[in-house]
PDB file of all heavy atoms in Angstrom:
ATOM      1  N   GLY A   1      98.806  17.387  97.861  1.00  0.00           N
ATOM      2  CA  GLY A   1      99.102  15.966  97.715  1.00  0.00           C
ATOM      3  C   GLY A   1      99.038  15.318  99.092  1.00  0.00           C
ATOM      4  O   GLY A   1      98.138  15.565  99.863  1.00  0.00           O
ATOM      5  N   CYS A   2     100.030  14.460  99.394  1.00  0.00           N
ATOM      6  CA  CYS A   2     100.038  13.787 100.671  1.00  0.00           C
ATOM      7  C   CYS A   2     100.431  14.835 101.722  1.00  0.00           C
ATOM      8  O   CYS A   2     101.244  15.738 101.522  1.00  0.00           O
ATOM      9  CB  CYS A   2     101.056  12.681 100.652  1.00  0.00           C
ATOM     10  SG  CYS A   2     100.587  11.285  99.604  1.00  0.00           S
ATOM     11  N   ALA A   3      99.859  14.659 102.941  1.00  0.00           N
ATOM     12  CA  ALA A   3     100.094  15.621 104.013  1.00  0.00           C
ATOM     13  C   ALA A   3     101.543  15.854 104.405  1.00  0.00           C
ATOM     14  O   ALA A   3     101.982  16.971 104.566  1.00  0.00           O
ATOM     15  CB  ALA A   3      99.231  15.230 105.226  1.00  0.00           C
ATOM     16  N   PRO A   4     102.351  14.740 104.566  1.00  0.00           N
ATOM     17  CA  PRO A   4     103.736  14.971 105.015  1.00  0.00           C
ATOM     18  C   PRO A   4     104.582  15.734 104.002  1.00  0.00           C
ATOM     19  O   PRO A   4     105.579  16.333 104.348  1.00  0.00           O
ATOM     20  CB  PRO A   4     104.282  13.563 105.215  1.00  0.00           C
ATOM     21  CG  PRO A   4     103.059  12.687 105.355  1.00  0.00           C
ATOM     22  CD  PRO A   4     102.032  13.316 104.492  1.00  0.00           C
ATOM     23  N   CYS A   5     104.203  15.674 102.689  1.00  0.00           N
ATOM     24  CA  CYS A   5     105.063  16.223 101.633  1.00  0.00           C
ATOM     25  C   CYS A   5     104.396  17.428 100.953  1.00  0.00           C
ATOM     26  O   CYS A   5     104.800  17.803  99.843  1.00  0.00           O
ATOM     27  CB  CYS A   5     105.378  15.169 100.583  1.00  0.00           C
ATOM     28  SG  CYS A   5     106.276  13.747 101.264  1.00  0.00           S
ATOM     29  N   THR A   6     103.402  18.044 101.601  1.00  0.00           N
ATOM     30  CA  THR A   6     102.738  19.206 101.070  1.00  0.00           C
ATOM     31  C   THR A   6     102.781  20.344 102.081  1.00  0.00           C
ATOM     32  O   THR A   6     102.484  20.147 103.238  1.00  0.00           O
ATOM     33  CB  THR A   6     101.248  18.945 100.746  1.00  0.00           C
ATOM     34  OG1 THR A   6     101.164  17.835  99.824  1.00  0.00           O
ATOM     35  CG2 THR A   6     100.571  20.139 100.120  1.00  0.00           C
ATOM     36  N   SER A   7     103.202  21.532 101.636  1.00  0.00           N
ATOM     37  CA  SER A   7     103.298  22.672 102.515  1.00  0.00           C
ATOM     38  C   SER A   7     102.593  23.871 101.889  1.00  0.00           C
ATOM     39  O   SER A   7     102.317  23.901 100.693  1.00  0.00           O
ATOM     40  CB  SER A   7     104.746  23.020 102.829  1.00  0.00           C
ATOM     41  OG  SER A   7     105.468  23.312 101.642  1.00  0.00           O
ATOM     42  N   LYS A   8     102.339  24.891 102.672  1.00  0.00           N
ATOM     43  CA  LYS A   8     101.705  26.100 102.145  1.00  0.00           C
ATOM     44  C   LYS A   8     102.674  26.837 101.196  1.00  0.00           C
ATOM     45  O   LYS A   8     103.888  26.651 101.264  1.00  0.00           O
ATOM     46  CB  LYS A   8     101.301  27.021 103.328  1.00  0.00           C
ATOM     47  CG  LYS A   8     100.280  26.378 104.236  1.00  0.00           C
ATOM     48  CD  LYS A   8      99.924  27.306 105.392  1.00  0.00           C
ATOM     49  CE  LYS A   8      98.929  26.640 106.322  1.00  0.00           C
ATOM     50  NZ  LYS A   8      98.569  27.528 107.449  1.00  0.00           N
ATOM     51  N   VAL A   9     102.077  27.654 100.330  1.00  0.00           N
ATOM     52  CA  VAL A   9     102.860  28.374  99.328  1.00  0.00           C
ATOM     53  C   VAL A   9     102.773  29.859  99.671  1.00  0.00           C
ATOM     54  O   VAL A   9     101.708  30.413  99.924  1.00  0.00           O
ATOM     55  CB  VAL A   9     102.321  28.132  97.909  1.00  0.00           C
ATOM     56  CG1 VAL A   9     103.028  29.012  96.909  1.00  0.00           C
ATOM     57  CG2 VAL A   9     102.449  26.656  97.567  1.00  0.00           C
ATOM     58  N   ASP A  10     103.929  30.508  99.679  1.00  0.00           N
ATOM     59  CA  ASP A  10     104.016  31.967  99.983  1.00  0.00           C
ATOM     60  C   ASP A  10     103.573  32.774  98.738  1.00  0.00           C
ATOM     61  O   ASP A  10     103.700  32.290  97.617  1.00  0.00           O
ATOM     62  CB  ASP A  10     105.393  32.336 100.374  1.00  0.00           C
ATOM     63  CG  ASP A  10     105.821  31.743 101.731  1.00  0.00           C
ATOM     64  OD1 ASP A  10     104.913  31.561 102.579  1.00  0.00           O
ATOM     65  OD2 ASP A  10     107.013  31.414 101.897  1.00  0.00           O
ATOM     66  N   PRO A  11     103.110  33.993  98.963  1.00  0.00           N
ATOM     67  CA  PRO A  11     102.763  34.861  97.803  1.00  0.00           C
ATOM     68  C   PRO A  11     103.954  35.013  96.880  1.00  0.00           C
ATOM     69  O   PRO A  11     105.055  35.257  97.303  1.00  0.00           O
ATOM     70  CB  PRO A  11     102.430  36.200  98.473  1.00  0.00           C
ATOM     71  CG  PRO A  11     101.972  35.848  99.839  1.00  0.00           C
ATOM     72  CD  PRO A  11     102.833  34.633 100.261  1.00  0.00           C
ATOM     73  N   GLY A  12     103.681  34.848  95.553  1.00  0.00           N
ATOM     74  CA  GLY A  12     104.751  34.975  94.578  1.00  0.00           C
ATOM     75  C   GLY A  12     105.461  33.687  94.244  1.00  0.00           C
ATOM     76  O   GLY A  12     106.184  33.609  93.236  1.00  0.00           O
ATOM     77  N   GLU A  13     105.271  32.632  95.036  1.00  0.00           N
ATOM     78  CA  GLU A  13     105.876  31.314  94.786  1.00  0.00           C
ATOM     79  C   GLU A  13     105.082  30.610  93.709  1.00  0.00           C
ATOM     80  O   GLU A  13     103.892  30.787  93.551  1.00  0.00           O
ATOM     81  CB  GLU A  13     105.921  30.455  96.046  1.00  0.00           C
ATOM     82  CG  GLU A  13     107.048  30.733  96.987  1.00  0.00           C
ATOM     83  CD  GLU A  13     107.200  29.590  97.996  1.00  0.00           C
ATOM     84  OE1 GLU A  13     106.235  29.380  98.763  1.00  0.00           O
ATOM     85  OE2 GLU A  13     108.271  28.996  98.021  1.00  0.00           O
ATOM     86  N   ASP A  14     105.791  29.711  93.011  1.00  0.00           N
ATOM     87  CA  ASP A  14     105.114  28.819  92.060  1.00  0.00           C
ATOM     88  C   ASP A  14     104.156  27.943  92.858  1.00  0.00           C
ATOM     89  O   ASP A  14     104.392  27.548  93.979  1.00  0.00           O
ATOM     90  CB  ASP A  14     106.168  27.891  91.356  1.00  0.00           C
ATOM     91  CG  ASP A  14     105.527  26.984  90.325  1.00  0.00           C
ATOM     92  OD1 ASP A  14     105.157  25.871  90.750  1.00  0.00           O
ATOM     93  OD2 ASP A  14     105.416  27.361  89.173  1.00  0.00           O
ATOM     94  N   GLU A  15     102.989  27.652  92.241  1.00  0.00           N
ATOM     95  CA  GLU A  15     101.968  26.902  93.013  1.00  0.00           C
ATOM     96  C   GLU A  15     102.367  25.514  93.383  1.00  0.00           C
ATOM     97  O   GLU A  15     101.827  24.977  94.363  1.00  0.00           O
ATOM     98  CB  GLU A  15     100.668  26.855  92.180  1.00  0.00           C
ATOM     99  CG  GLU A  15     100.728  26.043  90.911  1.00  0.00           C
ATOM    100  CD  GLU A  15      99.337  25.894  90.248  1.00  0.00           C
ATOM    101  OE1 GLU A  15      98.465  26.774  90.494  1.00  0.00           O
ATOM    102  OE2 GLU A  15      99.144  24.924  89.547  1.00  0.00           O
ATOM    103  N   ARG A  16     103.346  24.942  92.737  1.00  0.00           N
ATOM    104  CA  ARG A  16     103.806  23.618  93.083  1.00  0.00           C
ATOM    105  C   ARG A  16     105.038  23.617  93.965  1.00  0.00           C
ATOM    106  O   ARG A  16     105.644  22.594  94.302  1.00  0.00           O
ATOM    107  CB  ARG A  16     104.073  22.750  91.852  1.00  0.00           C
ATOM    108  CG  ARG A  16     102.788  22.340  91.146  1.00  0.00           C
ATOM    109  CD  ARG A  16     103.077  21.454  89.901  1.00  0.00           C
ATOM    110  NE  ARG A  16     103.671  20.188  90.209  1.00  0.00           N
ATOM    111  CZ  ARG A  16     102.978  19.101  90.628  1.00  0.00           C
ATOM    112  NH1 ARG A  16     101.691  19.189  90.789  1.00  0.00           N
ATOM    113  NH2 ARG A  16     103.618  17.994  90.878  1.00  0.00           N
ATOM    114  N   ALA A  17     105.442  24.850  94.452  1.00  0.00           N
ATOM    115  CA  ALA A  17     106.587  24.959  95.325  1.00  0.00           C
ATOM    116  C   ALA A  17     106.350  24.238  96.678  1.00  0.00           C
ATOM    117  O   ALA A  17     107.320  23.896  97.340  1.00  0.00           O
ATOM    118  CB  ALA A  17     106.927  26.448  95.575  1.00  0.00           C
ATOM    119  N   GLY A  18     105.108  24.062  97.015  1.00  0.00           N
ATOM    120  CA  GLY A  18     104.819  23.436  98.295  1.00  0.00           C
ATOM    121  C   GLY A  18     104.812  21.902  98.235  1.00  0.00           C
ATOM    122  O   GLY A  18     104.512  21.264  99.242  1.00  0.00           O
ATOM    123  N   ARG A  19     105.112  21.330  97.080  1.00  0.00           N
ATOM    124  CA  ARG A  19     105.153  19.880  96.941  1.00  0.00           C
ATOM    125  C   ARG A  19     106.612  19.400  97.115  1.00  0.00           C
ATOM    126  O   ARG A  19     107.476  19.870  96.370  1.00  0.00           O
ATOM    127  CB  ARG A  19     104.601  19.440  95.595  1.00  0.00           C
ATOM    128  CG  ARG A  19     103.136  19.865  95.367  1.00  0.00           C
ATOM    129  CD  ARG A  19     102.126  19.153  96.249  1.00  0.00           C
ATOM    130  NE  ARG A  19     102.079  17.739  95.950  1.00  0.00           N
ATOM    131  CZ  ARG A  19     101.305  17.249  94.932  1.00  0.00           C
ATOM    132  NH1 ARG A  19     100.596  18.037  94.174  1.00  0.00           N
ATOM    133  NH2 ARG A  19     101.311  15.949  94.739  1.00  0.00           N
ATOM    134  N   TRP A  20     106.879  18.501  98.006  1.00  0.00           N
ATOM    135  CA  TRP A  20     108.192  17.969  98.264  1.00  0.00           C
ATOM    136  C   TRP A  20     109.215  19.078  98.502  1.00  0.00           C
ATOM    137  O   TRP A  20     110.321  19.057  97.992  1.00  0.00           O
ATOM    138  CB  TRP A  20     108.663  17.085  97.116  1.00  0.00           C
ATOM    139  CG  TRP A  20     107.697  15.979  96.838  1.00  0.00           C
ATOM    140  CD1 TRP A  20     107.453  14.882  97.563  1.00  0.00           C
ATOM    141  CD2 TRP A  20     106.734  15.907  95.732  1.00  0.00           C
ATOM    142  NE1 TRP A  20     106.469  14.118  97.009  1.00  0.00           N
ATOM    143  CE2 TRP A  20     106.021  14.695  95.856  1.00  0.00           C
ATOM    144  CE3 TRP A  20     106.548  16.732  94.590  1.00  0.00           C
ATOM    145  CZ2 TRP A  20     105.062  14.352  94.939  1.00  0.00           C
ATOM    146  CZ3 TRP A  20     105.572  16.373  93.682  1.00  0.00           C
ATOM    147  CH2 TRP A  20     104.825  15.210  93.870  1.00  0.00           C
ATOM    148  N   ARG A  21     108.863  20.071  99.302  1.00  0.00           N
ATOM    149  CA  ARG A  21     109.755  21.195  99.560  1.00  0.00           C
ATOM    150  C   ARG A  21     111.058  20.664 100.187  1.00  0.00           C
ATOM    151  O   ARG A  21     111.023  19.866 101.109  1.00  0.00           O
ATOM    152  CB  ARG A  21     109.067  22.205 100.500  1.00  0.00           C
ATOM    153  CG  ARG A  21     109.805  23.531 100.624  1.00  0.00           C
ATOM    154  CD  ARG A  21     109.093  24.439 101.570  1.00  0.00           C
ATOM    155  NE  ARG A  21     107.777  24.895 101.048  1.00  0.00           N
ATOM    156  CZ  ARG A  21     107.609  25.887 100.230  1.00  0.00           C
ATOM    157  NH1 ARG A  21     108.650  26.570  99.763  1.00  0.00           N
ATOM    158  NH2 ARG A  21     106.394  26.261  99.854  1.00  0.00           N
ATOM    159  N   GLY A  22     112.143  21.129  99.606  1.00  0.00           N
ATOM    160  CA  GLY A  22     113.451  20.693 100.121  1.00  0.00           C
ATOM    161  C   GLY A  22     114.021  19.476  99.440  1.00  0.00           C
ATOM    162  O   GLY A  22     115.163  19.120  99.647  1.00  0.00           O
ATOM    163  N   PHE A  23     113.233  18.849  98.546  1.00  0.00           N
ATOM    164  CA  PHE A  23     113.668  17.705  97.781  1.00  0.00           C
ATOM    165  C   PHE A  23     113.874  18.090  96.309  1.00  0.00           C
ATOM    166  O   PHE A  23     113.170  19.016  95.806  1.00  0.00           O
ATOM    167  CB  PHE A  23     112.671  16.565  97.802  1.00  0.00           C
ATOM    168  CG  PHE A  23     112.578  15.879  99.146  1.00  0.00           C
ATOM    169  CD1 PHE A  23     111.765  16.315 100.132  1.00  0.00           C
ATOM    170  CD2 PHE A  23     113.345  14.717  99.368  1.00  0.00           C
ATOM    171  CE1 PHE A  23     111.658  15.667 101.373  1.00  0.00           C
ATOM    172  CE2 PHE A  23     113.262  14.046 100.572  1.00  0.00           C
ATOM    173  CZ  PHE A  23     112.427  14.549 101.611  1.00  0.00           C
ATOM    174  N   ASP A  24     114.781  17.445  95.615  1.00  0.00           N
ATOM    175  CA  ASP A  24     114.969  17.635  94.219  1.00  0.00           C
ATOM    176  C   ASP A  24     113.933  16.752  93.471  1.00  0.00           C
ATOM    177  O   ASP A  24     114.239  15.755  92.861  1.00  0.00           O
ATOM    178  CB  ASP A  24     116.382  17.236  93.773  1.00  0.00           C
ATOM    179  CG  ASP A  24     116.609  17.384  92.276  1.00  0.00           C
ATOM    180  OD1 ASP A  24     115.887  18.213  91.654  1.00  0.00           O
ATOM    181  OD2 ASP A  24     117.465  16.677  91.725  1.00  0.00           O
ATOM    182  N   LYS A  25     112.667  17.192  93.605  1.00  0.00           N
ATOM    183  CA  LYS A  25     111.564  16.367  93.127  1.00  0.00           C
ATOM    184  C   LYS A  25     110.396  17.241  92.767  1.00  0.00           C
ATOM    185  O   LYS A  25     110.007  18.130  93.576  1.00  0.00           O
ATOM    186  CB  LYS A  25     111.179  15.378  94.222  1.00  0.00           C
ATOM    187  CG  LYS A  25     110.060  14.413  93.960  1.00  0.00           C
ATOM    188  CD  LYS A  25     109.868  13.475  95.172  1.00  0.00           C
ATOM    189  CE  LYS A  25     108.645  12.583  94.964  1.00  0.00           C
ATOM    190  NZ  LYS A  25     108.816  11.603  93.902  1.00  0.00           N
ATOM    191  N   VAL A  26     109.809  17.033  91.605  1.00  0.00           N
ATOM    192  CA  VAL A  26     108.645  17.872  91.181  1.00  0.00           C
ATOM    193  C   VAL A  26     107.480  17.011  90.725  1.00  0.00           C
ATOM    194  O   VAL A  26     106.401  17.554  90.426  1.00  0.00           O
ATOM    195  CB  VAL A  26     109.034  18.841  90.047  1.00  0.00           C
ATOM    196  CG1 VAL A  26     110.069  19.811  90.562  1.00  0.00           C
ATOM    197  CG2 VAL A  26     109.601  18.103  88.821  1.00  0.00           C
ATOM    198  N   GLU A  27     107.633  15.680  90.642  1.00  0.00           N
ATOM    199  CA  GLU A  27     106.537  14.816  90.271  1.00  0.00           C
ATOM    200  C   GLU A  27     106.560  13.620  91.159  1.00  0.00           C
ATOM    201  O   GLU A  27     107.566  13.162  91.633  1.00  0.00           O
ATOM    202  CB  GLU A  27     106.683  14.343  88.797  1.00  0.00           C
ATOM    203  CG  GLU A  27     106.514  15.441  87.748  1.00  0.00           C
ATOM    204  CD  GLU A  27     105.033  15.765  87.530  1.00  0.00           C
ATOM    205  OE1 GLU A  27     104.147  15.186  88.166  1.00  0.00           O
ATOM    206  OE2 GLU A  27     104.774  16.642  86.647  1.00  0.00           O
ATOM    207  N   CYS A  28     105.381  13.025  91.387  1.00  0.00           N
ATOM    208  CA  CYS A  28     105.265  11.871  92.297  1.00  0.00           C
ATOM    209  C   CYS A  28     105.742  10.576  91.632  1.00  0.00           C
ATOM    210  O   CYS A  28     106.066   9.638  92.353  1.00  0.00           O
ATOM    211  CB  CYS A  28     103.816  11.678  92.765  1.00  0.00           C
ATOM    212  SG  CYS A  28     102.677  11.257  91.450  1.00  0.00           S
ATOM    213  N   GLY A  29     105.757  10.552  90.290  1.00  0.00           N
ATOM    214  CA  GLY A  29     106.260   9.364  89.617  1.00  0.00           C
ATOM    215  C   GLY A  29     105.196   8.716  88.767  1.00  0.00           C
ATOM    216  O   GLY A  29     105.530   7.849  87.965  1.00  0.00           O
ATOM    217  N   ILE A  30     103.924   9.118  88.867  1.00  0.00           N
ATOM    218  CA  ILE A  30     102.918   8.486  88.024  1.00  0.00           C
ATOM    219  C   ILE A  30     102.952   9.122  86.634  1.00  0.00           C
ATOM    220  O   ILE A  30     102.334   8.572  85.696  1.00  0.00           O
ATOM    221  CB  ILE A  30     101.493   8.599  88.592  1.00  0.00           C
ATOM    222  CG1 ILE A  30     101.025  10.034  88.668  1.00  0.00           C
ATOM    223  CG2 ILE A  30     101.429   7.945  89.985  1.00  0.00           C
ATOM    224  CD1 ILE A  30      99.566  10.197  89.089  1.00  0.00           C
ATOM    225  N   HIS A  31     103.649  10.254  86.463  1.00  0.00           N
ATOM    226  CA  HIS A  31     103.840  10.844  85.144  1.00  0.00           C
ATOM    227  C   HIS A  31     105.296  10.684  84.762  1.00  0.00           C
ATOM    228  O   HIS A  31     106.194  11.139  85.458  1.00  0.00           O
ATOM    229  CB  HIS A  31     103.438  12.344  85.160  1.00  0.00           C
ATOM    230  CG  HIS A  31     102.027  12.539  85.549  1.00  0.00           C
ATOM    231  ND1 HIS A  31     100.963  12.108  84.773  1.00  0.00           N
ATOM    232  CD2 HIS A  31     101.476  13.180  86.646  1.00  0.00           C
ATOM    233  CE1 HIS A  31      99.852  12.426  85.375  1.00  0.00           C
ATOM    234  NE2 HIS A  31     100.135  13.077  86.505  1.00  0.00           N
ATOM    235  N   PHE A  32     105.544  10.009  83.643  1.00  0.00           N
ATOM    236  CA  PHE A  32     106.879   9.632  83.294  1.00  0.00           C
ATOM    237  C   PHE A  32     107.282  10.230  81.937  1.00  0.00           C
ATOM    238  O   PHE A  32     106.456  10.495  81.081  1.00  0.00           O
ATOM    239  CB  PHE A  32     107.009   8.102  83.165  1.00  0.00           C
ATOM    240  CG  PHE A  32     107.008   7.418  84.510  1.00  0.00           C
ATOM    241  CD1 PHE A  32     105.822   6.992  85.108  1.00  0.00           C
ATOM    242  CD2 PHE A  32     108.212   7.147  85.148  1.00  0.00           C
ATOM    243  CE1 PHE A  32     105.834   6.371  86.315  1.00  0.00           C
ATOM    244  CE2 PHE A  32     108.212   6.496  86.382  1.00  0.00           C
ATOM    245  CZ  PHE A  32     107.013   6.125  86.963  1.00  0.00           C
ATOM    246  N   GLU A  33     108.590  10.395  81.774  1.00  0.00           N
ATOM    247  CA  GLU A  33     109.169  10.687  80.494  1.00  0.00           C
ATOM    248  C   GLU A  33     110.230   9.601  80.214  1.00  0.00           C
ATOM    249  O   GLU A  33     111.180   9.419  80.999  1.00  0.00           O
ATOM    250  CB  GLU A  33     109.839  12.056  80.475  1.00  0.00           C
ATOM    251  CG  GLU A  33     108.845  13.221  80.427  1.00  0.00           C
ATOM    252  CD  GLU A  33     109.552  14.564  80.244  1.00  0.00           C
ATOM    253  OE1 GLU A  33     110.759  14.565  80.301  1.00  0.00           O
ATOM    254  OE2 GLU A  33     108.863  15.578  80.029  1.00  0.00           O
ATOM    255  N   ASN A  34     110.024   8.861  79.137  1.00  0.00           N
ATOM    256  CA  ASN A  34     110.947   7.779  78.807  1.00  0.00           C
ATOM    257  C   ASN A  34     111.131   6.780  79.968  1.00  0.00           C
ATOM    258  O   ASN A  34     112.213   6.274  80.197  1.00  0.00           O
ATOM    259  CB  ASN A  34     112.317   8.334  78.406  1.00  0.00           C
ATOM    260  CG  ASN A  34     112.217   9.255  77.214  1.00  0.00           C
ATOM    261  OD1 ASN A  34     111.498   8.967  76.282  1.00  0.00           O
ATOM    262  ND2 ASN A  34     112.944  10.372  77.219  1.00  0.00           N
ATOM    263  N   GLY A  35     109.989   6.530  80.649  1.00  0.00           N
ATOM    264  CA  GLY A  35     109.997   5.512  81.739  1.00  0.00           C
ATOM    265  C   GLY A  35     110.627   5.993  83.029  1.00  0.00           C
ATOM    266  O   GLY A  35     110.840   5.142  83.901  1.00  0.00           O
ATOM    267  N   ARG A  36     110.918   7.299  83.152  1.00  0.00           N
ATOM    268  CA  ARG A  36     111.610   7.729  84.377  1.00  0.00           C
ATOM    269  C   ARG A  36     110.799   8.887  84.956  1.00  0.00           C
ATOM    270  O   ARG A  36     110.169   9.652  84.288  1.00  0.00           O
ATOM    271  CB  ARG A  36     113.005   8.225  84.086  1.00  0.00           C
ATOM    272  CG  ARG A  36     113.842   7.142  83.354  1.00  0.00           C
ATOM    273  CD  ARG A  36     115.204   7.639  82.985  1.00  0.00           C
ATOM    274  NE  ARG A  36     116.074   7.764  84.150  1.00  0.00           N
ATOM    275  CZ  ARG A  36     117.351   8.101  84.063  1.00  0.00           C
ATOM    276  NH1 ARG A  36     117.892   8.367  82.895  1.00  0.00           N
ATOM    277  NH2 ARG A  36     118.072   8.212  85.159  1.00  0.00           N
ATOM    278  N   ALA A  37     110.866   9.009  86.324  1.00  0.00           N
ATOM    279  CA  ALA A  37     110.150  10.078  86.975  1.00  0.00           C
ATOM    280  C   ALA A  37     110.725  11.409  86.534  1.00  0.00           C
ATOM    281  O   ALA A  37     111.933  11.579  86.414  1.00  0.00           O
ATOM    282  CB  ALA A  37     110.272   9.892  88.490  1.00  0.00           C
ATOM    283  N   VAL A  38     109.847  12.379  86.328  1.00  0.00           N
ATOM    284  CA  VAL A  38     110.246  13.674  85.841  1.00  0.00           C
ATOM    285  C   VAL A  38     111.008  14.447  86.898  1.00  0.00           C
ATOM    286  O   VAL A  38     110.629  14.484  88.039  1.00  0.00           O
ATOM    287  CB  VAL A  38     109.032  14.479  85.348  1.00  0.00           C
ATOM    288  CG1 VAL A  38     109.419  15.895  84.928  1.00  0.00           C
ATOM    289  CG2 VAL A  38     108.343  13.736  84.215  1.00  0.00           C
TER     290      VAL A  38
END
């Protein structure tokens, strides 16, 4: 994704573990459930 919020993934990690590492966040917000970011 964006450079500041994307990091490399270690072997055995989930492939999206490198997105927003350290944040309680797994989606950027363009995909919603009931109008809210997942």
